[in-house]
């Protein structure tokens, strides 16, 4: 009775790659702004913890989606929340928006489309 969700896993992994790219971009921008303002507007913690963390959580969720789709879907939803929070704190970035869309679709598919493993 082992189930798997391949489309949700693939979209989760692709979304995780975009989230990691977006997290690196956010971290670079946060470091530049922090350096220019001499630490007054210091959101580098949000870029590292939430931006890159969302990519890592989404990647783990996408990989787990092959064997345990429910757990993978829950981890993808956690990554979605992290992306929304970091986007509200800093700014919306194209890679994070693409990752958000892919992770939402991947999480829905991981809960809806499940096949029996052979």
PDB file of N, CA and C in Angstrom:
ATOM      1  N   UNK A   1       0.822  -1.197   0.000  1.00  0.00           N
ATOM      2  CA  UNK A   1       0.000   0.000   0.000  1.00  0.00           C
ATOM      3  C   UNK A   1       0.866   1.260   0.000  1.00  0.00           C
ATOM      4  N   UNK A   2       1.976   1.243  -0.687  1.00  0.00           N
ATOM      5  CA  UNK A   2       2.832   2.404  -0.775  1.00  0.00           C
ATOM      6  C   UNK A   2       2.347   3.298  -1.915  1.00  0.00           C
ATOM      7  N   UNK A   3       2.148   4.586  -1.650  1.00  0.00           N
ATOM      8  CA  UNK A   3       1.654   5.505  -2.660  1.00  0.00           C
ATOM      9  C   UNK A   3       2.748   6.488  -3.046  1.00  0.00           C
ATOM     10  N   UNK A   4       2.628   7.026  -4.274  1.00  0.00           N
ATOM     11  CA  UNK A   4       3.595   8.015  -4.731  1.00  0.00           C
ATOM     12  C   UNK A   4       2.889   9.050  -5.590  1.00  0.00           C
ATOM     13  N   UNK A   5       3.476  10.228  -5.680  1.00  0.00           N
ATOM     14  CA  UNK A   5       2.925  11.318  -6.464  1.00  0.00           C
ATOM     15  C   UNK A   5       4.061  11.941  -7.270  1.00  0.00           C
ATOM     16  N   UNK A   6       4.234  11.476  -8.485  1.00  0.00           N
ATOM     17  CA  UNK A   6       5.366  11.932  -9.303  1.00  0.00           C
ATOM     18  C   UNK A   6       5.199  13.378  -9.794  1.00  0.00           C
ATOM     19  N   UNK A   7       4.016  13.794 -10.305  1.00  0.00           N
ATOM     20  CA  UNK A   7       3.911  15.204 -10.747  1.00  0.00           C
ATOM     21  C   UNK A   7       4.114  16.205  -9.615  1.00  0.00           C
ATOM     22  N   UNK A   8       3.591  15.901  -8.433  1.00  0.00           N
ATOM     23  CA  UNK A   8       3.795  16.789  -7.291  1.00  0.00           C
ATOM     24  C   UNK A   8       5.251  16.859  -6.878  1.00  0.00           C
ATOM     25  N   UNK A   9       5.942  15.745  -6.973  1.00  0.00           N
ATOM     26  CA  UNK A   9       7.360  15.712  -6.613  1.00  0.00           C
ATOM     27  C   UNK A   9       8.203  16.508  -7.599  1.00  0.00           C
ATOM     28  N   UNK A  10       7.917  16.350  -8.878  1.00  0.00           N
ATOM     29  CA  UNK A  10       8.695  17.067  -9.895  1.00  0.00           C
ATOM     30  C   UNK A  10       8.473  18.572  -9.782  1.00  0.00           C
ATOM     31  N   UNK A  11       7.209  18.987  -9.623  1.00  0.00           N
ATOM     32  CA  UNK A  11       6.944  20.416  -9.471  1.00  0.00           C
ATOM     33  C   UNK A  11       7.536  20.955  -8.168  1.00  0.00           C
ATOM     34  N   UNK A  12       7.533  20.144  -7.118  1.00  0.00           N
ATOM     35  CA  UNK A  12       8.136  20.567  -5.858  1.00  0.00           C
ATOM     36  C   UNK A  12       9.637  20.763  -5.976  1.00  0.00           C
ATOM     37  N   UNK A  13      10.309  19.867  -6.689  1.00  0.00           N
ATOM     38  CA  UNK A  13      11.760  19.986  -6.856  1.00  0.00           C
ATOM     39  C   UNK A  13      12.113  21.183  -7.741  1.00  0.00           C
ATOM     40  N   UNK A  14      11.366  21.383  -8.819  1.00  0.00           N
ATOM     41  CA  UNK A  14      11.622  22.544  -9.688  1.00  0.00           C
ATOM     42  C   UNK A  14      11.338  23.839  -8.931  1.00  0.00           C
ATOM     43  N   UNK A  15      10.242  23.857  -8.161  1.00  0.00           N
ATOM     44  CA  UNK A  15       9.940  25.031  -7.334  1.00  0.00           C
ATOM     45  C   UNK A  15      11.004  25.285  -6.296  1.00  0.00           C
ATOM     46  N   UNK A  16      11.588  24.220  -5.744  1.00  0.00           N
ATOM     47  CA  UNK A  16      12.655  24.369  -4.762  1.00  0.00           C
ATOM     48  C   UNK A  16      13.901  24.988  -5.389  1.00  0.00           C
ATOM     49  N   UNK A  17      14.205  24.615  -6.620  1.00  0.00           N
ATOM     50  CA  UNK A  17      15.360  25.209  -7.308  1.00  0.00           C
ATOM     51  C   UNK A  17      15.141  26.714  -7.497  1.00  0.00           C
ATOM     52  N   UNK A  18      13.923  27.096  -7.916  1.00  0.00           N
ATOM     53  CA  UNK A  18      13.632  28.518  -8.072  1.00  0.00           C
ATOM     54  C   UNK A  18      13.656  29.242  -6.722  1.00  0.00           C
ATOM     55  N   UNK A  19      13.205  28.576  -5.652  1.00  0.00           N
ATOM     56  CA  UNK A  19      13.230  29.193  -4.325  1.00  0.00           C
ATOM     57  C   UNK A  19      14.666  29.395  -3.842  1.00  0.00           C
ATOM     58  N   UNK A  20      15.550  28.452  -4.135  1.00  0.00           N
ATOM     59  CA  UNK A  20      16.957  28.616  -3.752  1.00  0.00           C
ATOM     60  C   UNK A  20      17.596  29.753  -4.542  1.00  0.00           C
ATOM     61  N   UNK A  21      17.290  29.842  -5.833  1.00  0.00           N
ATOM     62  CA  UNK A  21      17.806  30.956  -6.641  1.00  0.00           C
ATOM     63  C   UNK A  21      17.279  32.283  -6.110  1.00  0.00           C
ATOM     64  N   UNK A  22      15.980  32.325  -5.803  1.00  0.00           N
ATOM     65  CA  UNK A  22      15.394  33.542  -5.247  1.00  0.00           C
ATOM     66  C   UNK A  22      15.948  33.876  -3.882  1.00  0.00           C
ATOM     67  N   UNK A  23      16.190  32.858  -3.053  1.00  0.00           N
ATOM     68  CA  UNK A  23      16.773  33.092  -1.730  1.00  0.00           C
ATOM     69  C   UNK A  23      18.176  33.659  -1.822  1.00  0.00           C
ATOM     70  N   UNK A  24      18.952  33.161  -2.775  1.00  0.00           N
ATOM     71  CA  UNK A  24      20.296  33.713  -2.966  1.00  0.00           C
ATOM     72  C   UNK A  24      20.235  35.161  -3.443  1.00  0.00           C
ATOM     73  N   UNK A  25      19.293  35.455  -4.332  1.00  0.00           N
ATOM     74  CA  UNK A  25      19.103  36.842  -4.793  1.00  0.00           C
ATOM     75  C   UNK A  25      18.662  37.758  -3.668  1.00  0.00           C
ATOM     76  N   UNK A  26      17.735  37.280  -2.847  1.00  0.00           N
ATOM     77  CA  UNK A  26      17.292  38.077  -1.706  1.00  0.00           C
ATOM     78  C   UNK A  26      18.427  38.309  -0.715  1.00  0.00           C
ATOM     79  N   UNK A  27      19.239  37.289  -0.489  1.00  0.00           N
ATOM     80  CA  UNK A  27      20.366  37.437   0.441  1.00  0.00           C
ATOM     81  C   UNK A  27      21.375  38.452  -0.079  1.00  0.00           C
ATOM     82  N   UNK A  28      21.636  38.432  -1.385  1.00  0.00           N
ATOM     83  CA  UNK A  28      22.558  39.398  -1.972  1.00  0.00           C
ATOM     84  C   UNK A  28      22.015  40.814  -1.843  1.00  0.00           C
ATOM     85  N   UNK A  29      20.737  40.988  -2.163  1.00  0.00           N
ATOM     86  CA  UNK A  29      20.135  42.319  -2.039  1.00  0.00           C
ATOM     87  C   UNK A  29      20.108  42.786  -0.591  1.00  0.00           C
ATOM     88  N   UNK A  30      19.822  41.883   0.335  1.00  0.00           N
ATOM     89  CA  UNK A  30      19.790  42.259   1.752  1.00  0.00           C
ATOM     90  C   UNK A  30      21.170  42.656   2.244  1.00  0.00           C
ATOM     91  N   UNK A  31      22.196  41.952   1.790  1.00  0.00           N
ATOM     92  CA  UNK A  31      23.562  42.320   2.186  1.00  0.00           C
ATOM     93  C   UNK A  31      23.937  43.691   1.636  1.00  0.00           C
ATOM     94  N   UNK A  32      23.532  43.965   0.386  1.00  0.00           N
ATOM     95  CA  UNK A  32      23.845  45.270  -0.203  1.00  0.00           C
ATOM     96  C   UNK A  32      23.120  46.397   0.527  1.00  0.00           C
ATOM     97  N   UNK A  33      21.836  46.202   0.806  1.00  0.00           N
ATOM     98  CA  UNK A  33      21.065  47.238   1.509  1.00  0.00           C
ATOM     99  C   UNK A  33      21.592  47.429   2.921  1.00  0.00           C
ATOM    100  N   UNK A  34      21.945  46.351   3.584  1.00  0.00           N
ATOM    101  CA  UNK A  34      22.500  46.451   4.937  1.00  0.00           C
ATOM    102  C   UNK A  34      23.836  47.181   4.935  1.00  0.00           C
ATOM    103  N   UNK A  35      24.631  46.962   3.908  1.00  0.00           N
ATOM    104  CA  UNK A  35      25.914  47.660   3.816  1.00  0.00           C
ATOM    105  C   UNK A  35      25.749  49.137   3.510  1.00  0.00           C
ATOM    106  N   UNK A  36      24.774  49.468   2.661  1.00  0.00           N
ATOM    107  CA  UNK A  36      24.556  50.872   2.300  1.00  0.00           C
ATOM    108  C   UNK A  36      23.987  51.657   3.481  1.00  0.00           C
ATOM    109  N   UNK A  37      23.048  51.053   4.195  1.00  0.00           N
ATOM    110  CA  UNK A  37      22.400  51.762   5.305  1.00  0.00           C
ATOM    111  C   UNK A  37      23.139  51.595   6.627  1.00  0.00           C
ATOM    112  N   UNK A  38      24.287  51.000   6.608  1.00  0.00           N
ATOM    113  CA  UNK A  38      25.121  50.780   7.802  1.00  0.00           C
ATOM    114  C   UNK A  38      24.378  49.996   8.878  1.00  0.00           C
ATOM    115  N   UNK A  39      23.589  49.021   8.447  1.00  0.00           N
ATOM    116  CA  UNK A  39      22.934  48.129   9.398  1.00  0.00           C
ATOM    117  C   UNK A  39      21.617  48.628   9.945  1.00  0.00           C
ATOM    118  N   UNK A  40      21.107  49.780   9.467  1.00  0.00           N
ATOM    119  CA  UNK A  40      19.843  50.291   9.975  1.00  0.00           C
ATOM    120  C   UNK A  40      18.691  49.394   9.539  1.00  0.00           C
ATOM    121  N   UNK A  41      18.659  49.043   8.269  1.00  0.00           N
ATOM    122  CA  UNK A  41      17.616  48.149   7.750  1.00  0.00           C
ATOM    123  C   UNK A  41      18.246  46.783   7.513  1.00  0.00           C
ATOM    124  N   UNK A  42      18.315  45.991   8.563  1.00  0.00           N
ATOM    125  CA  UNK A  42      19.011  44.711   8.484  1.00  0.00           C
ATOM    126  C   UNK A  42      18.008  43.561   8.421  1.00  0.00           C
ATOM    127  N   UNK A  43      17.711  43.122   7.215  1.00  0.00           N
ATOM    128  CA  UNK A  43      16.820  41.983   6.998  1.00  0.00           C
ATOM    129  C   UNK A  43      17.580  40.792   6.428  1.00  0.00           C
ATOM    130  N   UNK A  44      18.863  40.733   6.671  1.00  0.00           N
ATOM    131  CA  UNK A  44      19.632  39.616   6.120  1.00  0.00           C
ATOM    132  C   UNK A  44      19.224  38.293   6.752  1.00  0.00           C
ATOM    133  N   UNK A  45      18.801  38.310   8.013  1.00  0.00           N
ATOM    134  CA  UNK A  45      18.348  37.074   8.666  1.00  0.00           C
ATOM    135  C   UNK A  45      17.136  36.510   7.938  1.00  0.00           C
ATOM    136  N   UNK A  46      16.231  37.384   7.507  1.00  0.00           N
ATOM    137  CA  UNK A  46      15.033  36.915   6.805  1.00  0.00           C
ATOM    138  C   UNK A  46      15.400  36.307   5.463  1.00  0.00           C
ATOM    139  N   UNK A  47      16.371  36.895   4.802  1.00  0.00           N
ATOM    140  CA  UNK A  47      16.775  36.371   3.501  1.00  0.00           C
ATOM    141  C   UNK A  47      17.415  35.000   3.641  1.00  0.00           C
ATOM    142  N   UNK A  48      18.262  34.847   4.649  1.00  0.00           N
ATOM    143  CA  UNK A  48      18.936  33.559   4.816  1.00  0.00           C
ATOM    144  C   UNK A  48      18.023  32.493   5.396  1.00  0.00           C
ATOM    145  N   UNK A  49      17.354  32.815   6.483  1.00  0.00           N
ATOM    146  CA  UNK A  49      16.546  31.812   7.170  1.00  0.00           C
ATOM    147  C   UNK A  49      15.295  31.471   6.380  1.00  0.00           C
ATOM    148  N   UNK A  50      14.553  32.481   5.965  1.00  0.00           N
ATOM    149  CA  UNK A  50      13.292  32.220   5.279  1.00  0.00           C
ATOM    150  C   UNK A  50      13.477  31.994   3.779  1.00  0.00           C
ATOM    151  N   UNK A  51      14.337  32.771   3.147  1.00  0.00           N
ATOM    152  CA  UNK A  51      14.519  32.638   1.700  1.00  0.00           C
ATOM    153  C   UNK A  51      15.187  31.333   1.309  1.00  0.00           C
ATOM    154  N   UNK A  52      16.383  31.107   1.830  1.00  0.00           N
ATOM    155  CA  UNK A  52      17.083  29.862   1.522  1.00  0.00           C
ATOM    156  C   UNK A  52      16.460  28.669   2.244  1.00  0.00           C
ATOM    157  N   UNK A  53      15.925  28.911   3.434  1.00  0.00           N
ATOM    158  CA  UNK A  53      15.267  27.840   4.181  1.00  0.00           C
ATOM    159  C   UNK A  53      14.042  27.301   3.462  1.00  0.00           C
ATOM    160  N   UNK A  54      13.305  28.190   2.803  1.00  0.00           N
ATOM    161  CA  UNK A  54      12.140  27.745   2.040  1.00  0.00           C
ATOM    162  C   UNK A  54      12.550  26.834   0.889  1.00  0.00           C
ATOM    163  N   UNK A  55      13.661  27.152   0.257  1.00  0.00           N
ATOM    164  CA  UNK A  55      14.148  26.299  -0.821  1.00  0.00           C
ATOM    165  C   UNK A  55      14.567  24.927  -0.321  1.00  0.00           C
ATOM    166  N   UNK A  56      15.225  24.893   0.821  1.00  0.00           N
ATOM    167  CA  UNK A  56      15.665  23.611   1.389  1.00  0.00           C
ATOM    168  C   UNK A  56      14.466  22.773   1.833  1.00  0.00           C
ATOM    169  N   UNK A  57      13.494  23.413   2.501  1.00  0.00           N
ATOM    170  CA  UNK A  57      12.297  22.688   2.948  1.00  0.00           C
ATOM    171  C   UNK A  57      11.510  22.178   1.743  1.00  0.00           C
ATOM    172  N   UNK A  58      11.401  23.001   0.696  1.00  0.00           N
ATOM    173  CA  UNK A  58      10.686  22.569  -0.510  1.00  0.00           C
ATOM    174  C   UNK A  58      11.407  21.420  -1.205  1.00  0.00           C
ATOM    175  N   UNK A  59      12.731  21.456  -1.210  1.00  0.00           N
ATOM    176  CA  UNK A  59      13.496  20.369  -1.820  1.00  0.00           C
ATOM    177  C   UNK A  59      13.306  19.062  -1.058  1.00  0.00           C
ATOM    178  N   UNK A  60      13.336  19.126   0.259  1.00  0.00           N
ATOM    179  CA  UNK A  60      13.095  17.929   1.065  1.00  0.00           C
ATOM    180  C   UNK A  60      11.675  17.423   0.840  1.00  0.00           C
ATOM    181  N   UNK A  61      10.714  18.350   0.764  1.00  0.00           N
ATOM    182  CA  UNK A  61       9.331  17.958   0.506  1.00  0.00           C
ATOM    183  C   UNK A  61       9.147  17.334  -0.861  1.00  0.00           C
ATOM    184  N   UNK A  62       9.828  17.877  -1.859  1.00  0.00           N
ATOM    185  CA  UNK A  62       9.736  17.302  -3.198  1.00  0.00           C
ATOM    186  C   UNK A  62      10.346  15.915  -3.280  1.00  0.00           C
ATOM    187  N   UNK A  63      11.443  15.705  -2.574  1.00  0.00           N
ATOM    188  CA  UNK A  63      12.073  14.384  -2.576  1.00  0.00           C
ATOM    189  C   UNK A  63      11.223  13.380  -1.811  1.00  0.00           C
ATOM    190  N   UNK A  64      10.659  13.816  -0.674  1.00  0.00           N
ATOM    191  CA  UNK A  64       9.810  12.916   0.103  1.00  0.00           C
ATOM    192  C   UNK A  64       8.490  12.608  -0.599  1.00  0.00           C
ATOM    193  N   UNK A  65       8.132  13.447  -1.552  1.00  0.00           N
ATOM    194  CA  UNK A  65       6.871  13.269  -2.265  1.00  0.00           C
ATOM    195  C   UNK A  65       6.852  11.988  -3.090  1.00  0.00           C
ATOM    196  N   UNK A  66       8.014  11.454  -3.422  1.00  0.00           N
ATOM    197  CA  UNK A  66       8.060  10.203  -4.175  1.00  0.00           C
ATOM    198  C   UNK A  66       7.549   9.028  -3.352  1.00  0.00           C
ATOM    199  N   UNK A  67       7.881   8.999  -2.068  1.00  0.00           N
ATOM    200  CA  UNK A  67       7.499   7.869  -1.218  1.00  0.00           C
ATOM    201  C   UNK A  67       6.335   8.190  -0.283  1.00  0.00           C
ATOM    202  N   UNK A  68       6.333   9.398   0.284  1.00  0.00           N
ATOM    203  CA  UNK A  68       5.291   9.795   1.235  1.00  0.00           C
ATOM    204  C   UNK A  68       4.683  11.117   0.772  1.00  0.00           C
ATOM    205  N   UNK A  69       3.655  11.063  -0.087  1.00  0.00           N
ATOM    206  CA  UNK A  69       3.116  12.292  -0.674  1.00  0.00           C
ATOM    207  C   UNK A  69       2.484  13.247   0.337  1.00  0.00           C
ATOM    208  N   UNK A  70       1.877  12.728   1.379  1.00  0.00           N
ATOM    209  CA  UNK A  70       1.249  13.612   2.374  1.00  0.00           C
ATOM    210  C   UNK A  70       2.303  14.434   3.116  1.00  0.00           C
ATOM    211  N   UNK A  71       3.379  13.792   3.534  1.00  0.00           N
ATOM    212  CA  UNK A  71       4.450  14.496   4.237  1.00  0.00           C
ATOM    213  C   UNK A  71       5.125  15.500   3.299  1.00  0.00           C
ATOM    214  N   UNK A  72       5.357  15.095   2.060  1.00  0.00           N
ATOM    215  CA  UNK A  72       5.941  15.999   1.080  1.00  0.00           C
ATOM    216  C   UNK A  72       5.055  17.200   0.809  1.00  0.00           C
ATOM    217  N   UNK A  73       3.746  16.979   0.727  1.00  0.00           N
ATOM    218  CA  UNK A  73       2.811  18.078   0.521  1.00  0.00           C
ATOM    219  C   UNK A  73       2.783  19.038   1.692  1.00  0.00           C
ATOM    220  N   UNK A  74       2.865  18.509   2.907  1.00  0.00           N
ATOM    221  CA  UNK A  74       2.886  19.365   4.096  1.00  0.00           C
ATOM    222  C   UNK A  74       4.167  20.207   4.125  1.00  0.00           C
ATOM    223  N   UNK A  75       5.299  19.612   3.779  1.00  0.00           N
ATOM    224  CA  UNK A  75       6.554  20.371   3.731  1.00  0.00           C
ATOM    225  C   UNK A  75       6.518  21.436   2.637  1.00  0.00           C
ATOM    226  N   UNK A  76       5.871  21.142   1.524  1.00  0.00           N
ATOM    227  CA  UNK A  76       5.733  22.146   0.473  1.00  0.00           C
ATOM    228  C   UNK A  76       4.847  23.299   0.930  1.00  0.00           C
ATOM    229  N   UNK A  77       3.808  23.002   1.709  1.00  0.00           N
ATOM    230  CA  UNK A  77       2.957  24.066   2.242  1.00  0.00           C
ATOM    231  C   UNK A  77       3.739  24.928   3.236  1.00  0.00           C
ATOM    232  N   UNK A  78       4.590  24.308   4.043  1.00  0.00           N
ATOM    233  CA  UNK A  78       5.441  25.075   4.967  1.00  0.00           C
ATOM    234  C   UNK A  78       6.373  25.994   4.179  1.00  0.00           C
ATOM    235  N   UNK A  79       6.928  25.502   3.074  1.00  0.00           N
ATOM    236  CA  UNK A  79       7.794  26.331   2.226  1.00  0.00           C
ATOM    237  C   UNK A  79       7.009  27.474   1.595  1.00  0.00           C
ATOM    238  N   UNK A  80       5.749  27.224   1.232  1.00  0.00           N
ATOM    239  CA  UNK A  80       4.902  28.286   0.674  1.00  0.00           C
ATOM    240  C   UNK A  80       4.714  29.394   1.693  1.00  0.00           C
ATOM    241  N   UNK A  81       4.436  29.035   2.943  1.00  0.00           N
ATOM    242  CA  UNK A  81       4.250  30.036   4.000  1.00  0.00           C
ATOM    243  C   UNK A  81       5.538  30.821   4.216  1.00  0.00           C
ATOM    244  N   UNK A  82       6.682  30.140   4.190  1.00  0.00           N
ATOM    245  CA  UNK A  82       7.961  30.830   4.360  1.00  0.00           C
ATOM    246  C   UNK A  82       8.212  31.816   3.224  1.00  0.00           C
ATOM    247  N   UNK A  83       7.864  31.442   1.996  1.00  0.00           N
ATOM    248  CA  UNK A  83       8.047  32.337   0.851  1.00  0.00           C
ATOM    249  C   UNK A  83       7.145  33.553   0.965  1.00  0.00           C
ATOM    250  N   UNK A  84       5.906  33.350   1.388  1.00  0.00           N
ATOM    251  CA  UNK A  84       4.987  34.480   1.547  1.00  0.00           C
ATOM    252  C   UNK A  84       5.494  35.437   2.619  1.00  0.00           C
ATOM    253  N   UNK A  85       5.986  34.910   3.737  1.00  0.00           N
ATOM    254  CA  UNK A  85       6.481  35.765   4.817  1.00  0.00           C
ATOM    255  C   UNK A  85       7.711  36.549   4.373  1.00  0.00           C
ATOM    256  N   UNK A  86       8.651  35.904   3.716  1.00  0.00           N
ATOM    257  CA  UNK A  86       9.854  36.626   3.285  1.00  0.00           C
ATOM    258  C   UNK A  86       9.516  37.628   2.183  1.00  0.00           C
ATOM    259  N   UNK A  87       8.521  37.348   1.370  1.00  0.00           N
ATOM    260  CA  UNK A  87       8.118  38.304   0.335  1.00  0.00           C
ATOM    261  C   UNK A  87       7.447  39.518   0.952  1.00  0.00           C
ATOM    262  N   UNK A  88       6.704  39.329   2.036  1.00  0.00           N
ATOM    263  CA  UNK A  88       6.086  40.467   2.715  1.00  0.00           C
ATOM    264  C   UNK A  88       7.149  41.296   3.442  1.00  0.00           C
ATOM    265  N   UNK A  89       8.122  40.641   4.058  1.00  0.00           N
ATOM    266  CA  UNK A  89       9.169  41.361   4.786  1.00  0.00           C
ATOM    267  C   UNK A  89      10.083  42.160   3.862  1.00  0.00           C
ATOM    268  N   UNK A  90      10.424  41.578   2.730  1.00  0.00           N
ATOM    269  CA  UNK A  90      11.406  42.234   1.867  1.00  0.00           C
ATOM    270  C   UNK A  90      10.739  42.785   0.616  1.00  0.00           C
ATOM    271  N   UNK A  91      10.662  41.994  -0.427  1.00  0.00           N
ATOM    272  CA  UNK A  91       9.951  42.386  -1.637  1.00  0.00           C
ATOM    273  C   UNK A  91       9.712  41.143  -2.474  1.00  0.00           C
ATOM    274  N   UNK A  92       8.754  41.248  -3.385  1.00  0.00           N
ATOM    275  CA  UNK A  92       8.458  40.122  -4.263  1.00  0.00           C
ATOM    276  C   UNK A  92       9.507  40.056  -5.359  1.00  0.00           C
ATOM    277  N   UNK A  93      10.030  38.886  -5.566  1.00  0.00           N
ATOM    278  CA  UNK A  93      11.061  38.668  -6.566  1.00  0.00           C
ATOM    279  C   UNK A  93      10.537  37.648  -7.563  1.00  0.00           C
ATOM    280  N   UNK A  94      10.958  37.731  -8.804  1.00  0.00           N
ATOM    281  CA  UNK A  94      10.398  36.873  -9.845  1.00  0.00           C
ATOM    282  C   UNK A  94      10.624  35.401  -9.552  1.00  0.00           C
ATOM    283  N   UNK A  95      11.791  35.042  -9.055  1.00  0.00           N
ATOM    284  CA  UNK A  95      12.076  33.627  -8.782  1.00  0.00           C
ATOM    285  C   UNK A  95      11.214  33.104  -7.644  1.00  0.00           C
ATOM    286  N   UNK A  96      10.958  33.935  -6.653  1.00  0.00           N
ATOM    287  CA  UNK A  96      10.100  33.516  -5.547  1.00  0.00           C
ATOM    288  C   UNK A  96       8.647  33.379  -5.993  1.00  0.00           C
ATOM    289  N   UNK A  97       8.210  34.238  -6.896  1.00  0.00           N
ATOM    290  CA  UNK A  97       6.841  34.133  -7.407  1.00  0.00           C
ATOM    291  C   UNK A  97       6.681  32.851  -8.217  1.00  0.00           C
ATOM    292  N   UNK A  98       7.659  32.529  -9.055  1.00  0.00           N
ATOM    293  CA  UNK A  98       7.615  31.281  -9.823  1.00  0.00           C
ATOM    294  C   UNK A  98       7.646  30.079  -8.882  1.00  0.00           C
ATOM    295  N   UNK A  99       8.498  30.135  -7.869  1.00  0.00           N
ATOM    296  CA  UNK A  99       8.572  29.045  -6.897  1.00  0.00           C
ATOM    297  C   UNK A  99       7.261  28.896  -6.147  1.00  0.00           C
ATOM    298  N   UNK A 100       6.641  30.006  -5.796  1.00  0.00           N
ATOM    299  CA  UNK A 100       5.367  29.975  -5.089  1.00  0.00           C
ATOM    300  C   UNK A 100       4.290  29.299  -5.926  1.00  0.00           C
ATOM    301  N   UNK A 101       4.205  29.654  -7.188  1.00  0.00           N
ATOM    302  CA  UNK A 101       3.200  29.060  -8.085  1.00  0.00           C
ATOM    303  C   UNK A 101       3.451  27.562  -8.255  1.00  0.00           C
ATOM    304  N   UNK A 102       4.703  27.187  -8.499  1.00  0.00           N
ATOM    305  CA  UNK A 102       5.024  25.770  -8.689  1.00  0.00           C
ATOM    306  C   UNK A 102       4.788  24.953  -7.424  1.00  0.00           C
ATOM    307  N   UNK A 103       5.104  25.514  -6.273  1.00  0.00           N
ATOM    308  CA  UNK A 103       4.908  24.781  -5.025  1.00  0.00           C
ATOM    309  C   UNK A 103       3.430  24.640  -4.669  1.00  0.00           C
ATOM    310  N   UNK A 104       2.632  25.652  -4.987  1.00  0.00           N
ATOM    311  CA  UNK A 104       1.187  25.533  -4.740  1.00  0.00           C
ATOM    312  C   UNK A 104       0.600  24.413  -5.590  1.00  0.00           C
ATOM    313  N   UNK A 105       0.958  24.388  -6.864  1.00  0.00           N
ATOM    314  CA  UNK A 105       0.455  23.330  -7.746  1.00  0.00           C
ATOM    315  C   UNK A 105       0.996  21.970  -7.315  1.00  0.00           C
ATOM    316  N   UNK A 106       2.272  21.909  -6.958  1.00  0.00           N
ATOM    317  CA  UNK A 106       2.868  20.650  -6.502  1.00  0.00           C
ATOM    318  C   UNK A 106       2.238  20.127  -5.224  1.00  0.00           C
ATOM    319  N   UNK A 107       1.923  21.024  -4.280  1.00  0.00           N
ATOM    320  CA  UNK A 107       1.292  20.601  -3.031  1.00  0.00           C
ATOM    321  C   UNK A 107      -0.126  20.087  -3.278  1.00  0.00           C
ATOM    322  N   UNK A 108      -0.848  20.759  -4.158  1.00  0.00           N
ATOM    323  CA  UNK A 108      -2.204  20.297  -4.486  1.00  0.00           C
ATOM    324  C   UNK A 108      -2.148  18.928  -5.154  1.00  0.00           C
ATOM    325  N   UNK A 109      -1.215  18.766  -6.077  1.00  0.00           N
ATOM    326  CA  UNK A 109      -1.093  17.477  -6.761  1.00  0.00           C
ATOM    327  C   UNK A 109      -0.634  16.370  -5.825  1.00  0.00           C
ATOM    328  N   UNK A 110       0.181  16.702  -4.852  1.00  0.00           N
ATOM    329  CA  UNK A 110       0.649  15.649  -3.945  1.00  0.00           C
ATOM    330  C   UNK A 110      -0.473  15.157  -3.035  1.00  0.00           C
ATOM    331  N   UNK A 111      -1.464  16.008  -2.765  1.00  0.00           N
ATOM    332  CA  UNK A 111      -2.605  15.561  -1.974  1.00  0.00           C
ATOM    333  C   UNK A 111      -3.676  14.897  -2.832  1.00  0.00           C
ATOM    334  N   UNK A 112      -3.793  15.308  -4.090  1.00  0.00           N
ATOM    335  CA  UNK A 112      -4.885  14.807  -4.944  1.00  0.00           C
ATOM    336  C   UNK A 112      -4.482  13.600  -5.787  1.00  0.00           C
ATOM    337  N   UNK A 113      -3.349  13.678  -6.467  1.00  0.00           N
ATOM    338  CA  UNK A 113      -2.920  12.600  -7.362  1.00  0.00           C
ATOM    339  C   UNK A 113      -1.966  11.671  -6.662  1.00  0.00           C
ATOM    340  N   UNK A 114      -2.438  10.510  -6.327  1.00  0.00           N
ATOM    341  CA  UNK A 114      -1.577   9.509  -5.716  1.00  0.00           C
ATOM    342  C   UNK A 114      -1.827   8.163  -6.401  1.00  0.00           C
ATOM    343  N   UNK A 115      -0.757   7.528  -6.793  1.00  0.00           N
ATOM    344  CA  UNK A 115      -0.838   6.217  -7.433  1.00  0.00           C
ATOM    345  C   UNK A 115      -0.197   5.179  -6.538  1.00  0.00           C
ATOM    346  N   UNK A 116      -0.646   3.971  -6.700  1.00  0.00           N
ATOM    347  CA  UNK A 116      -0.029   2.862  -5.975  1.00  0.00           C
ATOM    348  C   UNK A 116       1.346   2.586  -6.557  1.00  0.00           C
ATOM    349  N   UNK A 117       2.331   2.419  -5.715  1.00  0.00           N
ATOM    350  CA  UNK A 117       3.684   2.086  -6.151  1.00  0.00           C
ATOM    351  C   UNK A 117       3.728   0.613  -6.548  1.00  0.00           C
ATOM    352  N   UNK A 118       4.462   0.333  -7.618  1.00  0.00           N
ATOM    353  CA  UNK A 118       4.550  -1.045  -8.094  1.00  0.00           C
ATOM    354  C   UNK A 118       5.851  -1.676  -7.698  1.00  0.00           C
TER     355      UNK A 118
END
